[in-house]
Protein backbone atom coordinates (compact mmCIF):
# COMPACT_ATOMS: atom_id res chain seq x y z
CA MET A 1 -1.91 206.76 -131.28
CA GLU A 2 -4.63 207.18 -133.91
CA ALA A 3 -7.34 207.33 -131.27
CA ARG A 4 -5.45 209.97 -129.38
CA MET A 5 -4.71 212.00 -132.49
CA SER A 6 -8.24 211.78 -133.86
CA ARG A 7 -9.94 212.83 -130.63
CA PRO A 8 -11.10 216.44 -131.17
CA VAL A 9 -10.24 219.24 -128.86
CA PRO A 10 -12.81 219.08 -126.05
CA PRO A 11 -14.99 222.08 -125.30
CA ARG A 12 -14.39 224.01 -122.14
CA SER A 13 -15.50 221.97 -119.10
CA VAL A 14 -17.89 224.68 -117.93
CA VAL A 15 -19.79 224.42 -121.22
CA VAL A 16 -19.93 220.62 -121.06
CA THR A 17 -21.11 220.48 -117.47
CA THR A 18 -23.51 223.44 -117.50
CA LEU A 19 -25.04 224.14 -120.92
CA PRO A 20 -26.95 220.84 -121.33
CA TYR A 21 -28.73 221.40 -118.02
CA VAL A 22 -29.51 225.03 -118.88
CA LEU A 23 -30.98 224.01 -122.26
CA LEU A 24 -32.98 221.23 -120.65
CA ALA A 25 -34.33 223.57 -117.95
CA ILE A 26 -35.41 226.15 -120.55
CA LEU A 27 -37.14 223.46 -122.62
CA VAL A 28 -38.90 222.15 -119.51
CA VAL A 29 -40.29 225.65 -118.90
CA VAL A 30 -41.39 225.88 -122.56
CA THR A 31 -43.03 222.44 -122.32
CA VAL A 32 -44.91 223.29 -119.14
CA ALA A 33 -46.08 226.57 -120.64
CA GLY A 34 -47.19 224.96 -123.88
CA LYS A 35 -48.74 221.78 -122.49
CA HIS A 36 -49.96 222.80 -119.03
CA SER A 37 -53.42 221.44 -119.87
CA ALA A 38 -52.21 218.34 -121.73
CA GLY A 39 -52.37 216.15 -118.65
CA PRO A 40 -50.65 212.78 -119.14
CA SER A 41 -48.62 213.99 -122.17
CA LEU A 42 -47.01 216.70 -120.04
CA PHE A 43 -46.07 214.19 -117.36
CA ILE A 44 -44.47 211.91 -119.96
CA ASP A 45 -42.40 214.81 -121.33
CA LEU A 46 -41.35 215.84 -117.83
CA ALA A 47 -40.43 212.22 -117.03
CA LEU A 48 -38.28 212.03 -120.18
CA CYS A 49 -36.59 215.34 -119.24
CA ALA A 50 -35.94 214.05 -115.74
CA LEU A 51 -34.53 210.83 -117.23
CA ALA A 52 -32.21 212.86 -119.49
CA ALA A 53 -31.05 215.00 -116.56
CA ALA A 54 -30.45 211.95 -114.36
CA TRP A 55 -28.67 210.14 -117.21
CA MET A 56 -26.26 213.07 -117.72
CA LEU A 57 -25.82 213.70 -114.03
CA TRP A 58 -25.04 210.12 -113.00
CA ILE A 59 -22.90 208.89 -115.85
CA PHE A 60 -21.09 212.04 -116.95
CA THR A 61 -21.17 214.77 -114.29
CA LEU A 62 -20.82 212.80 -111.06
CA HIS A 63 -18.28 210.29 -112.39
CA PRO A 64 -15.51 212.19 -114.20
CA ALA A 65 -13.28 209.08 -114.27
CA TRP A 66 -15.82 207.33 -116.51
CA ARG A 67 -15.16 209.90 -119.25
CA GLN A 68 -11.92 208.06 -120.09
CA ARG A 69 -13.78 204.76 -120.57
CA LEU A 70 -14.87 204.67 -124.20
CA PRO A 71 -17.41 201.80 -123.82
CA VAL A 72 -19.17 203.60 -120.96
CA MET A 73 -19.23 206.86 -122.93
CA ALA A 74 -20.57 205.04 -125.97
CA VAL A 75 -23.48 203.70 -123.91
CA PHE A 76 -24.04 207.15 -122.45
CA PHE A 77 -24.12 208.83 -125.86
CA VAL A 78 -26.42 206.24 -127.42
CA GLY A 79 -28.83 206.46 -124.47
CA LEU A 80 -28.89 210.26 -124.53
CA THR A 81 -29.45 210.29 -128.31
CA ALA A 82 -32.35 207.89 -127.91
CA ILE A 83 -33.93 210.12 -125.23
CA MET A 84 -33.46 213.21 -127.46
CA THR A 85 -35.06 211.37 -130.40
CA ILE A 86 -38.14 210.50 -128.36
CA LEU A 87 -38.46 214.06 -127.07
CA VAL A 88 -38.09 215.52 -130.59
CA ILE A 89 -40.72 213.17 -131.97
CA ARG A 90 -43.09 214.21 -129.21
CA ASP A 91 -42.31 217.95 -129.24
CA PRO A 92 -40.23 219.58 -132.04
CA TRP A 93 -38.90 222.37 -129.80
CA PHE A 94 -36.66 219.75 -128.14
CA GLY A 95 -34.59 220.06 -131.30
CA PHE A 96 -32.74 222.82 -129.46
CA PHE A 97 -31.51 220.16 -127.02
CA THR A 98 -29.50 218.60 -129.82
CA ALA A 99 -26.84 221.28 -129.10
CA ALA A 100 -26.01 219.26 -125.99
CA GLY A 101 -25.71 216.17 -128.17
CA TYR A 102 -23.12 217.91 -130.36
CA ILE A 103 -21.20 219.03 -127.27
CA TYR A 104 -21.03 215.51 -125.88
CA ALA A 105 -20.15 214.04 -129.28
CA PHE A 106 -17.11 216.27 -129.69
CA ARG A 107 -16.15 215.70 -126.07
CA ILE A 108 -16.31 211.93 -125.71
CA LEU A 109 -16.19 210.35 -129.20
CA SER A 110 -13.00 209.61 -131.12
CA TRP A 111 -12.39 208.92 -134.78
CA PRO A 112 -13.97 207.13 -136.67
CA TRP A 113 -16.99 207.16 -134.33
CA LEU A 114 -17.12 210.94 -134.11
CA PRO A 115 -18.73 211.53 -137.56
CA VAL A 116 -21.22 208.70 -136.85
CA GLY A 117 -22.30 210.28 -133.58
CA VAL A 118 -22.45 213.76 -135.11
CA ALA A 119 -24.53 212.44 -138.01
CA ALA A 120 -26.95 210.78 -135.57
CA VAL A 121 -27.43 214.03 -133.62
CA ALA A 122 -27.80 215.96 -136.91
CA MET A 123 -30.55 213.57 -138.00
CA VAL A 124 -32.38 214.18 -134.71
CA SER A 125 -32.02 217.94 -135.29
CA GLY A 126 -33.23 217.56 -138.90
CA THR A 127 -36.23 215.58 -137.68
CA ALA A 128 -37.17 218.45 -135.38
CA GLN A 129 -36.77 221.00 -138.19
CA SER A 130 -38.90 218.94 -140.63
CA TYR A 131 -41.61 218.19 -138.07
CA GLY A 132 -44.37 219.80 -140.13
CA VAL A 133 -43.25 218.41 -143.51
CA ASP A 134 -45.64 215.92 -145.13
CA ARG A 135 -43.38 213.01 -146.02
CA THR A 136 -46.15 211.16 -147.89
CA THR A 137 -45.76 213.42 -150.94
CA PRO A 138 -42.74 213.50 -153.24
CA LEU A 139 -42.18 217.16 -152.56
CA GLY A 140 -42.38 216.59 -148.82
CA LEU A 141 -40.00 213.65 -149.02
CA ILE A 142 -37.50 215.72 -151.05
CA THR A 143 -37.82 218.52 -148.52
CA TYR A 144 -37.21 216.07 -145.65
CA VAL A 145 -34.11 214.64 -147.34
CA ALA A 146 -32.82 218.16 -148.07
CA VAL A 147 -33.29 219.19 -144.44
CA MET A 148 -31.47 216.04 -143.30
CA ALA A 149 -28.61 216.68 -145.73
CA ALA A 150 -28.40 220.31 -144.67
CA ASN A 151 -27.85 219.15 -141.10
CA VAL A 152 -25.73 216.02 -141.58
CA ILE A 153 -23.27 217.12 -144.30
CA PRO A 154 -22.03 220.36 -142.67
CA MET A 155 -21.72 218.75 -139.25
CA VAL A 156 -19.83 215.71 -140.56
CA ALA A 157 -17.57 218.05 -142.58
CA PHE A 158 -16.99 220.10 -139.44
CA ALA A 159 -16.12 216.92 -137.53
CA TRP A 160 -13.58 216.02 -140.25
CA PHE A 161 -12.12 219.53 -140.08
CA VAL A 162 -11.82 219.31 -136.30
CA ARG A 163 -10.07 215.93 -136.63
CA ARG A 164 -7.68 217.36 -139.22
CA SER A 165 -6.93 220.35 -137.00
CA ALA A 166 -6.33 218.05 -134.03
CA ARG A 167 -3.92 215.90 -136.06
CA GLN A 168 -2.04 218.97 -137.27
CA SER A 169 -1.86 220.24 -133.71
CA ASP A 170 -0.53 216.88 -132.53
CA GLU A 171 2.03 216.85 -135.32
CA ARG A 172 3.15 220.36 -134.37
CA ASP A 173 3.41 219.31 -130.74
CA ARG A 174 5.41 216.24 -131.73
CA ALA A 175 7.68 218.33 -133.96
CA LEU A 176 8.21 220.83 -131.14
CA GLU A 177 9.01 218.02 -128.75
CA GLU A 178 11.48 216.53 -131.22
CA THR A 179 13.02 219.98 -131.66
CA ARG A 180 13.31 220.40 -127.91
CA HIS A 181 14.84 216.93 -127.64
CA ALA A 182 17.29 217.76 -130.45
CA ASN A 183 18.15 221.04 -128.72
CA ARG A 184 18.81 219.18 -125.48
CA ARG A 185 21.05 216.72 -127.33
CA LEU A 186 22.82 219.65 -129.02
CA GLU A 187 23.33 221.39 -125.69
CA ALA A 188 24.70 218.16 -124.21
CA THR A 189 27.01 217.76 -127.22
CA LEU A 190 28.18 221.37 -126.95
CA ALA A 191 28.82 220.92 -123.24
CA GLU A 192 30.73 217.71 -123.96
CA ASN A 193 32.73 219.46 -126.69
CA ALA A 194 33.49 222.35 -124.33
CA ALA A 195 34.69 219.91 -121.67
CA LEU A 196 36.77 218.09 -124.29
CA HIS A 197 38.18 221.41 -125.47
CA GLU A 198 39.15 222.27 -121.89
CA ARG A 199 40.83 218.88 -121.48
CA LEU A 200 42.70 219.33 -124.76
CA LEU A 201 43.83 222.81 -123.68
CA ALA A 202 44.97 221.41 -120.34
CA GLN A 203 46.84 218.60 -122.10
CA ALA A 204 48.36 221.09 -124.53
CA ARG A 205 49.47 223.30 -121.65
CA GLU A 206 50.90 220.28 -119.85
CA ALA A 207 52.67 219.14 -123.00
CA GLY A 208 54.03 222.64 -123.50
CA VAL A 209 55.31 222.72 -119.93
CA ASN A 210 56.93 219.29 -120.36
CA ASP A 211 58.50 220.35 -123.66
CA GLU A 212 59.83 223.50 -122.06
CA ARG A 213 61.22 221.53 -119.15
CA GLN A 214 62.96 219.15 -121.52
CA ARG A 215 64.26 222.06 -123.56
CA MET A 216 65.64 223.76 -120.47
CA ALA A 217 67.17 220.50 -119.29
CA ARG A 218 68.87 220.03 -122.65
CA GLU A 219 69.93 223.67 -122.69
CA ILE A 220 71.45 223.47 -119.22
CA HIS A 221 73.15 220.17 -120.04
CA ASP A 222 74.53 221.47 -123.33
CA THR A 223 75.83 224.74 -121.88
CA LEU A 224 76.31 225.03 -118.14
CA ALA A 225 76.87 221.34 -117.41
CA GLN A 226 79.39 220.95 -120.22
CA GLY A 227 81.12 224.20 -119.27
CA LEU A 228 81.36 223.19 -115.62
CA THR A 229 82.63 219.76 -116.62
CA GLY A 230 85.34 221.41 -118.72
CA ILE A 231 86.24 223.74 -115.86
CA ILE A 232 86.55 220.81 -113.44
CA THR A 233 88.69 218.95 -115.96
CA GLN A 234 91.03 221.91 -116.40
CA LEU A 235 91.28 222.48 -112.65
CA HIS A 236 92.11 218.80 -112.10
CA ALA A 237 94.75 219.10 -114.80
CA ALA A 238 96.11 222.23 -113.10
CA GLU A 239 96.46 220.31 -109.83
CA HIS A 240 98.55 217.65 -111.57
CA ALA A 241 100.67 220.37 -113.24
CA ALA A 242 101.55 222.19 -110.01
CA ASP A 243 105.27 221.60 -110.68
CA ASP A 244 105.03 223.06 -114.18
CA PRO A 245 104.06 226.78 -113.93
CA ALA A 246 103.48 227.13 -117.68
CA ALA A 247 101.14 224.15 -117.88
CA TRP A 248 99.44 225.20 -114.64
CA ARG A 249 98.82 228.69 -116.03
CA ARG A 250 97.53 227.26 -119.33
CA HIS A 251 94.96 225.08 -117.53
CA ILE A 252 93.88 227.95 -115.26
CA GLU A 253 93.44 230.22 -118.29
CA ALA A 254 91.42 227.50 -120.05
CA ALA A 255 89.19 227.09 -116.98
CA THR A 256 88.70 230.86 -116.81
CA ALA A 257 87.77 231.00 -120.50
CA LEU A 258 85.28 228.17 -120.02
CA ALA A 259 83.79 229.95 -117.02
CA LYS A 260 83.30 233.14 -119.04
CA GLU A 261 81.80 231.20 -121.94
CA SER A 262 79.44 229.34 -119.58
CA LEU A 263 78.36 232.64 -118.03
CA SER A 264 77.66 234.05 -121.48
CA GLU A 265 75.63 230.97 -122.38
CA ALA A 266 73.68 231.24 -119.12
CA ARG A 267 72.78 234.84 -119.87
CA ARG A 268 71.83 233.91 -123.42
CA SER A 269 69.57 231.12 -122.16
CA VAL A 270 67.83 233.58 -119.87
CA HIS A 271 67.14 235.90 -122.80
CA GLU A 272 66.30 232.96 -125.12
CA LEU A 273 68.83 234.04 -127.75
CA ARG A 274 70.65 231.80 -130.18
CA PRO A 275 73.80 229.96 -129.01
CA GLU A 276 76.78 232.29 -128.80
CA PRO A 277 78.71 230.60 -131.66
CA LEU A 278 75.73 231.08 -134.01
CA ARG A 279 75.14 234.72 -133.22
CA THR A 280 78.02 235.94 -135.41
CA ALA A 281 78.77 233.00 -137.73
CA ARG A 282 77.24 230.41 -140.02
CA LEU A 283 76.68 226.88 -138.80
CA SER A 284 79.81 225.56 -140.54
CA GLU A 285 81.92 228.36 -139.09
CA ALA A 286 80.37 227.89 -135.65
CA LEU A 287 81.22 224.18 -135.78
CA ALA A 288 84.78 225.01 -136.75
CA ASN A 289 85.11 227.46 -133.85
CA VAL A 290 83.65 224.97 -131.36
CA ALA A 291 85.94 222.22 -132.64
CA GLU A 292 89.00 224.50 -132.49
CA ARG A 293 88.34 225.48 -128.87
CA TRP A 294 87.66 221.88 -127.91
CA SER A 295 90.87 220.71 -129.59
CA SER A 296 92.94 223.32 -127.83
CA LEU A 297 91.50 222.30 -124.47
CA HIS A 298 91.95 218.57 -124.85
CA ASP A 299 94.97 218.36 -127.18
CA VAL A 300 93.08 216.14 -129.61
CA PRO A 301 93.10 217.14 -133.30
CA VAL A 302 89.67 217.71 -134.91
CA GLN A 303 89.10 217.85 -138.65
CA VAL A 304 85.99 219.80 -139.68
CA THR A 305 84.67 219.25 -143.20
CA THR A 306 81.72 220.86 -144.97
CA THR A 307 80.26 219.29 -148.13
CA GLY A 308 77.57 220.59 -150.44
CA THR A 309 76.37 224.15 -150.82
CA ALA A 310 76.01 225.83 -147.46
CA ARG A 311 72.73 227.69 -146.98
CA PRO A 312 70.80 229.17 -144.03
CA LEU A 313 68.59 226.80 -142.06
CA ARG A 314 65.86 227.36 -139.54
CA PRO A 315 67.41 228.64 -136.27
CA GLU A 316 66.14 225.63 -134.32
CA ALA A 317 67.74 223.24 -136.82
CA GLU A 318 71.11 225.02 -136.58
CA VAL A 319 70.88 225.03 -132.77
CA ALA A 320 70.07 221.31 -132.69
CA LEU A 321 73.03 220.39 -134.95
CA LEU A 322 75.43 222.64 -133.03
CA ARG A 323 74.33 221.22 -129.67
CA THR A 324 74.67 217.70 -131.04
CA ALA A 325 78.23 218.41 -132.09
CA GLN A 326 79.07 219.96 -128.70
CA GLU A 327 77.59 217.00 -126.81
CA ALA A 328 79.40 214.50 -129.03
CA LEU A 329 82.74 216.26 -128.48
CA THR A 330 82.08 216.43 -124.74
CA ASN A 331 81.46 212.69 -124.64
CA VAL A 332 84.65 212.08 -126.62
CA ALA A 333 86.62 214.07 -124.06
CA LYS A 334 85.06 212.29 -121.10
CA HIS A 335 84.90 208.70 -122.30
CA ALA A 336 86.57 207.96 -125.63
CA ARG A 337 90.31 208.50 -125.03
CA ALA A 338 90.50 209.24 -128.77
CA THR A 339 93.54 210.41 -130.73
CA ARG A 340 91.62 212.11 -133.54
CA VAL A 341 88.08 213.28 -134.26
CA GLY A 342 86.29 214.12 -137.48
CA VAL A 343 83.28 216.43 -137.83
CA THR A 344 81.48 216.50 -141.17
CA LEU A 345 78.58 218.81 -142.08
CA SER A 346 76.82 217.72 -145.28
CA TYR A 347 74.33 219.94 -147.12
CA MET A 348 72.10 217.77 -149.31
CA GLU A 349 69.05 218.61 -151.41
CA HIS A 350 66.44 217.92 -148.78
CA GLN A 351 68.49 217.22 -145.66
CA VAL A 352 71.46 218.43 -143.68
CA ALA A 353 73.56 215.81 -141.90
CA LEU A 354 76.13 216.10 -139.13
CA ASP A 355 78.60 213.26 -138.50
CA VAL A 356 80.97 213.15 -135.54
CA ARG A 357 83.43 210.20 -135.49
CA ASP A 358 86.33 209.32 -133.25
CA ASP A 359 88.85 206.47 -132.95
CA GLY A 360 88.38 206.08 -129.23
CA ALA A 361 87.42 203.20 -126.94
CA GLY A 362 83.83 202.96 -128.16
CA PHE A 363 80.94 201.50 -126.13
CA ASP A 364 77.81 199.38 -126.36
CA PRO A 365 74.87 201.67 -127.30
CA ALA A 366 72.44 199.19 -125.76
CA ARG A 367 73.91 199.92 -122.31
CA ILE A 368 73.35 203.66 -122.39
CA HIS A 369 70.52 203.53 -119.86
CA GLU A 370 72.35 201.03 -117.69
CA ASP A 371 75.33 203.35 -117.42
CA THR A 372 73.34 206.37 -116.25
CA THR A 373 73.66 207.25 -112.58
CA ASP A 374 71.90 209.45 -110.08
CA ASP A 375 75.23 210.79 -108.81
CA PRO A 376 75.52 214.37 -110.14
CA ARG A 377 79.31 214.12 -109.93
CA GLU A 378 79.38 211.35 -112.48
CA ASP A 379 77.81 211.77 -115.92
CA ARG A 380 78.38 208.85 -118.24
CA GLY A 381 76.71 210.53 -121.22
CA GLY A 382 73.32 208.84 -121.03
CA PHE A 383 71.29 212.01 -120.65
CA GLY A 384 73.40 213.77 -123.25
CA LEU A 385 72.63 211.14 -125.85
CA ILE A 386 68.95 211.21 -124.91
CA ALA A 387 68.94 215.02 -125.19
CA MET A 388 70.57 214.73 -128.64
CA ARG A 389 67.83 212.38 -129.81
CA GLN A 390 65.05 214.56 -128.40
CA ARG A 391 66.43 217.65 -130.12
CA ILE A 392 66.82 215.98 -133.51
CA GLU A 393 63.58 213.97 -133.48
CA GLY A 394 61.72 217.10 -132.32
CA LEU A 395 62.58 218.53 -135.76
CA SER A 396 61.38 215.38 -137.61
CA GLY A 397 65.00 214.31 -137.96
CA THR A 398 66.89 211.12 -137.15
CA LEU A 399 69.84 210.31 -134.88
CA GLN A 400 71.96 207.19 -135.32
CA ILE A 401 74.72 205.99 -133.00
CA GLU A 402 77.24 203.44 -134.25
CA SER A 403 79.79 202.10 -131.80
CA GLU A 404 81.41 198.95 -130.48
CA PRO A 405 83.94 198.54 -127.71
CA GLY A 406 87.42 199.21 -129.13
CA THR A 407 86.29 200.47 -132.56
CA GLY A 408 85.44 204.11 -131.89
CA THR A 409 82.11 205.88 -132.13
CA GLY A 410 80.11 207.52 -134.89
CA ILE A 411 77.13 209.80 -134.30
CA SER A 412 75.04 210.88 -137.27
CA ALA A 413 72.28 213.49 -136.99
CA CYS A 414 70.07 214.38 -139.95
CA VAL A 415 67.38 217.10 -140.10
CA PRO A 416 65.13 218.38 -142.93
CA ALA A 417 66.75 221.25 -144.84
CA GLU A 418 63.80 223.62 -144.63
CA PRO A 419 64.75 227.11 -145.81
CA VAL A 420 64.49 230.17 -143.63
CA ARG A 421 61.17 231.98 -144.18
CA ILE A 422 61.76 235.66 -144.76
CA PRO A 423 58.72 237.78 -143.84
CA ALA A 424 57.15 239.62 -146.76
């Protein structure tokens, strides 16, 4: 990672592959013009230039894959620097060729070898610049050192600056990549959350549909089913009282009244209004009215008692308690063969309780589910008790059933006494 980060930004490929040859060609022309009568010295210079051109052409230009091999590039750079040094020593104008050395140094060397290579090329350039300085005198030696320092220090500092810029660029690239990765994770999380939200909405809709179905089932059971059951009971009684016109008429009138009441309840259910008994009376009064009608139909006395201070409740709580009382009385009529029934409504500090007790035949509560049947003509009360429990527990209340065969039955429903919220 350090080698990758410390490698400077390479020059443009056209500069790397073209400029060294252009510089070398120009210097060859200058050498030929300046040493055309030098004889063997000119041929040596031209041979060194040809060697430099061949060295660059073979190792660097014609084999691009070798540029990724650091040992090969190190040999190439050292060899080229050596050739430049010899040329500069022979002819100072070859100091201009050191520009190619800088180009190759920044292209192929990585940290920490980059400042070493740059310093070496700078020393070759300084040697060319101080060619005429007499190094045998103190002043000449100081001048030579100053020229060397003027070449080496700025170029090494520039190499350090390039390395720093490359590292900062790499850090920015890494930060951008991490940001992009974080954005992709965020997008995936948002998509997952959206999918989860859709699933939750679907589940909520499904739960709402199921709750509505259960509510409608309870509503139909507590109104139409009970009314039809009462009508059938009264019609059966009318059949048995065919020889007694007064009794026959009484049962027919009771069946007619139940039919009208059931029709009213059906219309109310369609319009989602409160139960008919609660539309014009308090809960305690509604219970008394329901109990009175039930007693007159079944000739069983019902005692309704209210304890505590009566106060308005939430409509759903009043509906649940009223339906519980209606279902309990319906079950008494169908199954209990009771001689008396007691209904008690108790207003307490934090709760309201409804108790319905009879002295009938009783039953085993554990066999409720066993006694249910798929025959619509025969309802043993299983669904009614289940509907009671669903209504009460749906309001964070409790429903308890106490019964044994031969000892009667007691049903106790209790709901929180939350006050009615009056809009401001």
